[in-house]
Structure formats: C-alpha cells, structure tokens
Amino acid sequence: MSSDGEHWTYEQWVEQTVDKIVHVGLTTPEEDRADWLRLQIGLAIGQALRHGRSGRSDSDPVIP
C-alpha cells in the first residue's frame, strides 16, 4: 500500500518493488544477499502472476 493508504497501480507497485529490492539488496550482508534476493524476486514474480491472472490491467490497483 502506498504511503497515503491507497493501493498502488500495478505500474507503481513494480517501480516500488524494484526500488526496494535494489536498495535493500545492496545493503544486505554479502553472505545473505543471494538468498534474500532469491526470496524477494520469487515473491514479486508470484504477486505479478496473481495480478495478471486476475484479469487486472497495469493501471488497476494491486491487491495483496
């Protein structure tokens, strides 16, 4: 959910998710980084698939 309490559109969700993965991934200790990235990327792909399979478009809100 966005900082104003509204749901993000899919496009906004993608942008925020990528930014989070990059930012946190770069600050995660090296010995944990690969595992953390695998987990986050897998979760993001799963959310994207659920969104697409629901028939929503890129401008529809993402519902967790």
Protein backbone atom coordinates (compact mmCIF):
# COMPACT_ATOMS: atom_id res chain seq x y z
CA MET A 1 0.00 0.00 0.00
CA SER A 2 1.27 3.47 -0.76
CA SER A 3 2.23 5.91 1.98
CA ASP A 4 -1.14 7.70 1.65
CA GLY A 5 -3.08 4.50 2.37
CA GLU A 6 -4.20 3.96 -1.21
CA HIS A 7 -3.44 0.86 -3.24
CA TRP A 8 -0.72 1.24 -5.86
CA THR A 9 -1.43 0.63 -9.51
CA TYR A 10 0.50 -2.29 -10.93
CA GLU A 11 2.94 0.12 -12.59
CA GLN A 12 3.54 1.91 -9.28
CA TRP A 13 3.91 -1.43 -7.47
CA VAL A 14 6.54 -2.60 -9.96
CA GLU A 15 8.54 0.61 -9.55
CA GLN A 16 8.39 0.48 -5.73
CA THR A 17 9.18 -3.24 -5.59
CA VAL A 18 12.20 -2.94 -7.86
CA ASP A 19 13.47 0.05 -5.89
CA LYS A 20 13.05 -1.86 -2.60
CA ILE A 21 14.81 -4.98 -3.87
CA VAL A 22 17.74 -2.96 -5.23
CA HIS A 23 18.09 -0.72 -2.16
CA VAL A 24 17.80 -3.43 0.48
CA GLY A 25 19.70 -5.94 -1.63
CA LEU A 26 22.68 -3.62 -1.82
CA THR A 27 22.69 -3.15 1.95
CA THR A 28 22.12 -6.81 2.88
CA PRO A 29 25.27 -8.53 4.16
CA GLU A 30 27.04 -10.32 1.33
CA GLU A 31 26.68 -13.77 2.91
CA ASP A 32 22.86 -13.36 2.99
CA ARG A 33 22.35 -11.33 -0.18
CA ALA A 34 21.79 -14.12 -2.72
CA ASP A 35 19.22 -15.87 -0.53
CA TRP A 36 17.41 -12.61 0.22
CA LEU A 37 17.33 -11.65 -3.46
CA ARG A 38 16.01 -15.08 -4.48
CA LEU A 39 13.22 -14.81 -1.92
CA GLN A 40 12.23 -11.25 -2.87
CA ILE A 41 12.34 -11.90 -6.61
CA GLY A 42 10.23 -15.05 -6.18
CA LEU A 43 7.65 -13.16 -4.11
CA ALA A 44 7.50 -10.34 -6.65
CA ILE A 45 7.01 -12.75 -9.55
CA GLY A 46 4.25 -14.52 -7.64
CA GLN A 47 2.44 -11.24 -6.95
CA ALA A 48 2.78 -10.19 -10.59
CA LEU A 49 1.35 -13.52 -11.77
CA ARG A 50 -1.61 -13.24 -9.40
CA HIS A 51 -2.31 -9.73 -10.63
CA GLY A 52 -2.19 -10.76 -14.29
CA ARG A 53 -4.23 -13.91 -13.83
CA SER A 54 -6.94 -11.90 -12.11
CA GLY A 55 -7.55 -10.03 -15.36
CA ARG A 56 -6.39 -6.69 -13.97
CA SER A 57 -4.53 -4.25 -16.18
CA ASP A 58 -1.34 -2.29 -15.45
CA SER A 59 -3.41 0.69 -14.27
CA ASP A 60 -5.59 -1.35 -11.87
CA PRO A 61 -4.72 -1.45 -8.16
CA VAL A 62 -2.56 -4.24 -6.78
CA ILE A 63 -4.38 -6.11 -4.03
CA PRO A 64 -2.05 -8.13 -1.77
